[in-house]
Amino acid sequence: WPELNDVHDMKLAPNLAGSSFSCTWKAPIGYRLKSDIIIGDIVYLESVTIHAHGDLLGTVICRIHDEDGKTRLEIDWQVVTTKPWMNRLTFLLRPLFVWSHHAVMRSGEHGLRNYIKSRS
């Protein structure tokens, strides 16, 4: 995930639930978002719940689906920004923020696909 610029303070827990780390994302248009991440519930081969605190606050649920022998990953973001400047300018910059988010997610999808191909 090229936009994931920094991961630090990683603490791994047994079975990964409860693991945590801090990270910084750089948006394609230049702003940065820093968050502390805690891995919540893990349902083997079904879902992972992630809790974010910091510039992004909320929950992310990653669901894994098997569809006709193909794996589909669905990521449901339920987060809000806590940066005052972003919240004040959302009425004006929302389309740019949405475009930036989709660009970051497409980049992550591309990286994940390449990673999976390299391992098979």
N, C-alpha and C. Protein backbone atom coordinates (compact mmCIF):
# COMPACT_ATOMS: atom_id res chain seq x y z
N TRP A 1 0.86 -1.16 0.00
CA TRP A 1 0.00 0.00 0.00
C TRP A 1 0.91 1.22 0.00
N PRO A 2 1.21 1.76 -1.18
CA PRO A 2 2.20 2.84 -1.27
C PRO A 2 1.88 4.06 -0.40
N GLU A 3 0.62 4.34 -0.15
CA GLU A 3 0.26 5.52 0.65
C GLU A 3 0.44 5.31 2.15
N LEU A 4 0.70 4.09 2.55
CA LEU A 4 0.98 3.80 3.96
C LEU A 4 2.46 4.08 4.18
N ASN A 5 2.76 5.29 4.67
CA ASN A 5 4.14 5.75 4.76
C ASN A 5 4.89 5.32 6.00
N ASP A 6 4.20 5.04 7.06
CA ASP A 6 4.89 4.76 8.31
C ASP A 6 4.04 3.84 9.18
N VAL A 7 4.65 2.77 9.63
CA VAL A 7 4.01 1.88 10.60
C VAL A 7 5.02 1.70 11.73
N HIS A 8 4.59 1.98 12.95
CA HIS A 8 5.50 1.85 14.10
C HIS A 8 4.72 1.46 15.35
N ASP A 9 5.46 1.24 16.41
CA ASP A 9 4.89 0.83 17.71
C ASP A 9 4.00 -0.39 17.57
N MET A 10 4.42 -1.34 16.75
CA MET A 10 3.61 -2.54 16.54
C MET A 10 3.72 -3.46 17.76
N LYS A 11 2.56 -3.87 18.24
CA LYS A 11 2.50 -4.81 19.36
C LYS A 11 1.59 -5.97 18.92
N LEU A 12 2.18 -7.14 18.77
CA LEU A 12 1.41 -8.31 18.34
C LEU A 12 0.87 -9.06 19.54
N ALA A 13 -0.39 -9.44 19.44
CA ALA A 13 -1.04 -10.23 20.49
C ALA A 13 -1.22 -11.66 19.98
N PRO A 14 -1.36 -12.61 20.90
CA PRO A 14 -1.62 -13.98 20.47
C PRO A 14 -2.88 -14.02 19.59
N ASN A 15 -2.85 -14.76 18.53
CA ASN A 15 -3.97 -14.89 17.58
C ASN A 15 -4.34 -13.56 16.91
N LEU A 16 -3.50 -12.54 17.04
CA LEU A 16 -3.62 -11.22 16.41
C LEU A 16 -4.71 -10.31 16.99
N ALA A 17 -5.82 -10.83 17.51
CA ALA A 17 -6.84 -9.97 18.11
C ALA A 17 -6.21 -9.22 19.29
N GLY A 18 -6.37 -7.90 19.30
CA GLY A 18 -5.75 -7.07 20.33
C GLY A 18 -4.42 -6.48 19.91
N SER A 19 -3.90 -6.91 18.76
CA SER A 19 -2.66 -6.32 18.24
C SER A 19 -2.90 -4.85 17.92
N SER A 20 -1.83 -4.07 17.97
CA SER A 20 -1.98 -2.64 17.70
C SER A 20 -0.74 -2.10 17.00
N PHE A 21 -0.92 -0.97 16.33
CA PHE A 21 0.18 -0.25 15.71
C PHE A 21 -0.27 1.16 15.40
N SER A 22 0.68 2.01 15.15
CA SER A 22 0.41 3.38 14.73
C SER A 22 0.84 3.50 13.27
N CYS A 23 0.12 4.31 12.52
CA CYS A 23 0.46 4.44 11.10
C CYS A 23 0.15 5.84 10.59
N THR A 24 0.79 6.18 9.47
CA THR A 24 0.56 7.44 8.79
C THR A 24 0.27 7.15 7.33
N TRP A 25 -0.83 7.69 6.84
CA TRP A 25 -1.22 7.58 5.43
C TRP A 25 -0.99 8.91 4.76
N LYS A 26 -0.45 8.88 3.55
CA LYS A 26 -0.29 10.12 2.78
C LYS A 26 -1.25 10.08 1.61
N ALA A 27 -2.17 11.03 1.58
CA ALA A 27 -3.16 11.10 0.51
C ALA A 27 -2.48 11.57 -0.78
N PRO A 28 -3.02 11.17 -1.94
CA PRO A 28 -2.44 11.58 -3.21
C PRO A 28 -2.35 13.10 -3.38
N ILE A 29 -3.18 13.84 -2.66
CA ILE A 29 -3.15 15.30 -2.79
C ILE A 29 -2.31 15.96 -1.70
N GLY A 30 -1.61 15.15 -0.88
CA GLY A 30 -0.59 15.69 0.01
C GLY A 30 -0.85 15.69 1.50
N TYR A 31 -2.08 15.67 1.96
CA TYR A 31 -2.30 15.69 3.41
C TYR A 31 -1.99 14.32 4.00
N ARG A 32 -1.76 14.28 5.29
CA ARG A 32 -1.44 13.04 6.00
C ARG A 32 -2.49 12.77 7.08
N LEU A 33 -2.75 11.50 7.31
CA LEU A 33 -3.65 11.07 8.38
C LEU A 33 -2.89 10.08 9.26
N LYS A 34 -2.85 10.38 10.56
CA LYS A 34 -2.17 9.50 11.51
C LYS A 34 -3.22 8.82 12.38
N SER A 35 -3.07 7.53 12.56
CA SER A 35 -4.03 6.78 13.37
C SER A 35 -3.34 5.69 14.16
N ASP A 36 -3.93 5.39 15.30
CA ASP A 36 -3.57 4.21 16.07
C ASP A 36 -4.62 3.16 15.75
N ILE A 37 -4.16 1.97 15.43
CA ILE A 37 -5.02 0.89 14.98
C ILE A 37 -4.98 -0.25 15.99
N ILE A 38 -6.15 -0.77 16.32
CA ILE A 38 -6.25 -1.95 17.19
C ILE A 38 -7.09 -3.00 16.45
N ILE A 39 -6.55 -4.20 16.35
CA ILE A 39 -7.27 -5.30 15.72
C ILE A 39 -8.29 -5.81 16.74
N GLY A 40 -9.55 -5.82 16.35
CA GLY A 40 -10.62 -6.28 17.23
C GLY A 40 -10.95 -7.73 16.97
N ASP A 41 -12.21 -8.01 16.76
CA ASP A 41 -12.67 -9.38 16.54
C ASP A 41 -12.14 -9.94 15.23
N ILE A 42 -11.75 -11.20 15.28
CA ILE A 42 -11.34 -11.93 14.08
C ILE A 42 -12.20 -13.19 14.00
N VAL A 43 -12.91 -13.34 12.92
CA VAL A 43 -13.66 -14.56 12.65
C VAL A 43 -12.94 -15.24 11.49
N TYR A 44 -12.29 -16.35 11.80
CA TYR A 44 -11.42 -17.02 10.84
C TYR A 44 -12.11 -17.23 9.49
N LEU A 45 -11.44 -16.78 8.43
CA LEU A 45 -11.90 -16.88 7.05
C LEU A 45 -13.22 -16.16 6.78
N GLU A 46 -13.62 -15.25 7.68
CA GLU A 46 -14.86 -14.49 7.48
C GLU A 46 -14.68 -12.99 7.60
N SER A 47 -14.10 -12.53 8.72
CA SER A 47 -14.02 -11.08 8.91
C SER A 47 -12.97 -10.69 9.94
N VAL A 48 -12.55 -9.43 9.83
CA VAL A 48 -11.66 -8.81 10.81
C VAL A 48 -12.23 -7.43 11.11
N THR A 49 -12.35 -7.10 12.38
CA THR A 49 -12.81 -5.77 12.79
C THR A 49 -11.60 -4.99 13.28
N ILE A 50 -11.48 -3.75 12.81
CA ILE A 50 -10.35 -2.90 13.13
C ILE A 50 -10.88 -1.60 13.74
N HIS A 51 -10.26 -1.14 14.82
CA HIS A 51 -10.66 0.11 15.46
C HIS A 51 -9.58 1.15 15.22
N ALA A 52 -9.97 2.34 14.77
CA ALA A 52 -9.03 3.42 14.48
C ALA A 52 -9.26 4.57 15.45
N HIS A 53 -8.16 5.15 15.91
CA HIS A 53 -8.19 6.33 16.80
C HIS A 53 -7.15 7.30 16.28
N GLY A 54 -7.43 8.57 16.34
CA GLY A 54 -6.49 9.58 15.85
C GLY A 54 -7.18 10.45 14.82
N ASP A 55 -6.48 10.72 13.70
CA ASP A 55 -7.07 11.55 12.64
C ASP A 55 -8.28 10.89 12.00
N LEU A 56 -8.33 9.57 12.05
CA LEU A 56 -9.52 8.80 11.67
C LEU A 56 -10.03 8.11 12.92
N LEU A 57 -11.31 8.21 13.16
CA LEU A 57 -11.90 7.63 14.37
C LEU A 57 -13.10 6.78 13.97
N GLY A 58 -13.07 5.51 14.36
CA GLY A 58 -14.20 4.64 14.06
C GLY A 58 -13.76 3.20 13.86
N THR A 59 -14.55 2.49 13.08
CA THR A 59 -14.37 1.05 12.89
C THR A 59 -14.31 0.71 11.41
N VAL A 60 -13.47 -0.25 11.10
CA VAL A 60 -13.37 -0.80 9.75
C VAL A 60 -13.64 -2.29 9.87
N ILE A 61 -14.53 -2.79 9.02
CA ILE A 61 -14.79 -4.23 9.01
C ILE A 61 -14.39 -4.77 7.65
N CYS A 62 -13.48 -5.73 7.66
CA CYS A 62 -13.03 -6.40 6.44
C CYS A 62 -13.69 -7.77 6.40
N ARG A 63 -14.47 -8.00 5.35
CA ARG A 63 -15.16 -9.28 5.19
C ARG A 63 -14.57 -10.03 4.01
N ILE A 64 -14.46 -11.33 4.18
CA ILE A 64 -13.92 -12.20 3.13
C ILE A 64 -15.05 -13.09 2.65
N HIS A 65 -15.27 -13.10 1.33
CA HIS A 65 -16.33 -13.91 0.74
C HIS A 65 -15.72 -14.85 -0.30
N ASP A 66 -16.24 -16.06 -0.36
CA ASP A 66 -15.87 -17.01 -1.42
C ASP A 66 -17.02 -17.02 -2.42
N GLU A 67 -16.74 -16.55 -3.62
CA GLU A 67 -17.77 -16.50 -4.66
C GLU A 67 -17.31 -17.31 -5.86
N ASP A 68 -17.89 -18.49 -6.03
CA ASP A 68 -17.56 -19.36 -7.16
C ASP A 68 -16.06 -19.62 -7.26
N GLY A 69 -15.44 -19.92 -6.11
CA GLY A 69 -14.03 -20.26 -6.10
C GLY A 69 -13.10 -19.05 -6.14
N LYS A 70 -13.65 -17.85 -6.13
CA LYS A 70 -12.83 -16.64 -6.11
C LYS A 70 -13.05 -15.94 -4.77
N THR A 71 -12.00 -15.33 -4.28
CA THR A 71 -12.08 -14.63 -3.00
C THR A 71 -12.37 -13.16 -3.24
N ARG A 72 -13.33 -12.65 -2.48
CA ARG A 72 -13.69 -11.23 -2.56
C ARG A 72 -13.45 -10.63 -1.18
N LEU A 73 -12.78 -9.49 -1.14
CA LEU A 73 -12.53 -8.77 0.09
C LEU A 73 -13.36 -7.50 0.07
N GLU A 74 -14.22 -7.35 1.07
CA GLU A 74 -15.08 -6.17 1.18
C GLU A 74 -14.63 -5.39 2.41
N ILE A 75 -14.32 -4.11 2.23
CA ILE A 75 -13.85 -3.28 3.33
C ILE A 75 -14.88 -2.19 3.58
N ASP A 76 -15.46 -2.20 4.78
CA ASP A 76 -16.51 -1.26 5.14
C ASP A 76 -15.96 -0.28 6.17
N TRP A 77 -15.71 0.96 5.74
CA TRP A 77 -15.19 2.00 6.60
C TRP A 77 -16.33 2.74 7.27
N GLN A 78 -16.33 2.79 8.57
CA GLN A 78 -17.29 3.59 9.35
C GLN A 78 -16.46 4.51 10.24
N VAL A 79 -15.82 5.49 9.60
CA VAL A 79 -14.91 6.38 10.32
C VAL A 79 -15.26 7.83 10.02
N VAL A 80 -14.80 8.70 10.90
CA VAL A 80 -14.90 10.15 10.69
C VAL A 80 -13.51 10.74 10.88
N THR A 81 -13.31 11.90 10.28
CA THR A 81 -12.04 12.58 10.47
C THR A 81 -12.14 13.45 11.74
N THR A 82 -11.02 13.61 12.39
CA THR A 82 -10.97 14.46 13.58
C THR A 82 -10.12 15.70 13.35
N LYS A 83 -9.56 15.84 12.16
CA LYS A 83 -8.76 17.03 11.87
C LYS A 83 -9.70 18.22 11.68
N PRO A 84 -9.56 19.24 12.50
CA PRO A 84 -10.48 20.38 12.41
C PRO A 84 -10.54 21.01 11.01
N TRP A 85 -9.40 21.18 10.35
CA TRP A 85 -9.42 21.82 9.03
C TRP A 85 -10.21 21.00 8.02
N MET A 86 -10.09 19.67 8.11
CA MET A 86 -10.84 18.81 7.18
C MET A 86 -12.34 18.92 7.45
N ASN A 87 -12.70 18.89 8.71
CA ASN A 87 -14.12 18.97 9.07
C ASN A 87 -14.72 20.31 8.68
N ARG A 88 -13.96 21.40 8.84
CA ARG A 88 -14.47 22.72 8.47
C ARG A 88 -14.62 22.88 6.96
N LEU A 89 -13.75 22.22 6.18
CA LEU A 89 -13.75 22.41 4.72
C LEU A 89 -14.45 21.29 3.95
N THR A 90 -15.03 20.32 4.66
CA THR A 90 -15.69 19.20 3.98
C THR A 90 -16.76 19.68 3.01
N PHE A 91 -17.52 20.70 3.38
CA PHE A 91 -18.59 21.19 2.50
C PHE A 91 -18.03 21.59 1.13
N LEU A 92 -16.79 22.02 1.10
CA LEU A 92 -16.17 22.47 -0.14
C LEU A 92 -15.32 21.38 -0.80
N LEU A 93 -14.60 20.62 0.01
CA LEU A 93 -13.60 19.68 -0.51
C LEU A 93 -14.06 18.22 -0.55
N ARG A 94 -15.31 17.94 -0.19
CA ARG A 94 -15.79 16.56 -0.16
C ARG A 94 -15.45 15.78 -1.44
N PRO A 95 -15.71 16.32 -2.64
CA PRO A 95 -15.38 15.55 -3.85
C PRO A 95 -13.89 15.19 -3.94
N LEU A 96 -13.04 16.09 -3.50
CA LEU A 96 -11.60 15.82 -3.52
C LEU A 96 -11.23 14.76 -2.49
N PHE A 97 -11.83 14.83 -1.30
CA PHE A 97 -11.58 13.81 -0.27
C PHE A 97 -12.06 12.44 -0.74
N VAL A 98 -13.22 12.38 -1.36
CA VAL A 98 -13.76 11.11 -1.86
C VAL A 98 -12.85 10.55 -2.95
N TRP A 99 -12.44 11.41 -3.89
CA TRP A 99 -11.53 10.96 -4.96
C TRP A 99 -10.24 10.42 -4.35
N SER A 100 -9.69 11.14 -3.37
CA SER A 100 -8.44 10.74 -2.73
C SER A 100 -8.59 9.38 -2.05
N HIS A 101 -9.69 9.19 -1.32
CA HIS A 101 -9.93 7.91 -0.64
C HIS A 101 -10.01 6.77 -1.66
N HIS A 102 -10.76 6.98 -2.73
CA HIS A 102 -10.89 5.92 -3.74
C HIS A 102 -9.54 5.63 -4.40
N ALA A 103 -8.73 6.65 -4.63
CA ALA A 103 -7.40 6.44 -5.21
C ALA A 103 -6.53 5.60 -4.29
N VAL A 104 -6.57 5.88 -2.99
CA VAL A 104 -5.79 5.10 -2.02
C VAL A 104 -6.28 3.65 -1.99
N MET A 105 -7.58 3.45 -2.00
CA MET A 105 -8.12 2.08 -1.96
C MET A 105 -7.78 1.32 -3.24
N ARG A 106 -7.85 1.97 -4.40
CA ARG A 106 -7.47 1.31 -5.66
C ARG A 106 -5.99 0.92 -5.63
N SER A 107 -5.18 1.79 -5.11
CA SER A 107 -3.75 1.51 -5.00
C SER A 107 -3.51 0.30 -4.09
N GLY A 108 -4.23 0.25 -2.98
CA GLY A 108 -4.11 -0.89 -2.07
C GLY A 108 -4.57 -2.18 -2.73
N GLU A 109 -5.66 -2.10 -3.47
CA GLU A 109 -6.16 -3.29 -4.18
C GLU A 109 -5.11 -3.78 -5.18
N HIS A 110 -4.53 -2.86 -5.92
CA HIS A 110 -3.50 -3.22 -6.90
C HIS A 110 -2.31 -3.89 -6.21
N GLY A 111 -1.86 -3.30 -5.09
CA GLY A 111 -0.75 -3.88 -4.35
C GLY A 111 -1.07 -5.26 -3.80
N LEU A 112 -2.28 -5.43 -3.27
CA LEU A 112 -2.69 -6.73 -2.73
C LEU A 112 -2.75 -7.78 -3.83
N ARG A 113 -3.30 -7.41 -4.98
CA ARG A 113 -3.35 -8.36 -6.12
C ARG A 113 -1.93 -8.79 -6.52
N ASN A 114 -1.02 -7.83 -6.62
CA ASN A 114 0.37 -8.15 -6.99
C ASN A 114 1.03 -9.04 -5.95
N TYR A 115 0.77 -8.77 -4.67
CA TYR A 115 1.33 -9.57 -3.60
C TYR A 115 0.83 -11.01 -3.68
N ILE A 116 -0.47 -11.17 -3.88
CA ILE A 116 -1.05 -12.51 -3.97
C ILE A 116 -0.48 -13.26 -5.19
N LYS A 117 -0.38 -12.58 -6.32
CA LYS A 117 0.19 -13.22 -7.53
C LYS A 117 1.62 -13.66 -7.29
N SER A 118 2.40 -12.85 -6.58
CA SER A 118 3.80 -13.19 -6.35
C SER A 118 3.97 -14.39 -5.42
N ARG A 119 2.95 -14.68 -4.61
CA ARG A 119 3.02 -15.78 -3.65
C ARG A 119 2.43 -17.07 -4.19
N SER A 120 1.78 -17.02 -5.37
CA SER A 120 1.15 -18.25 -5.88
C SER A 120 1.98 -18.93 -6.93
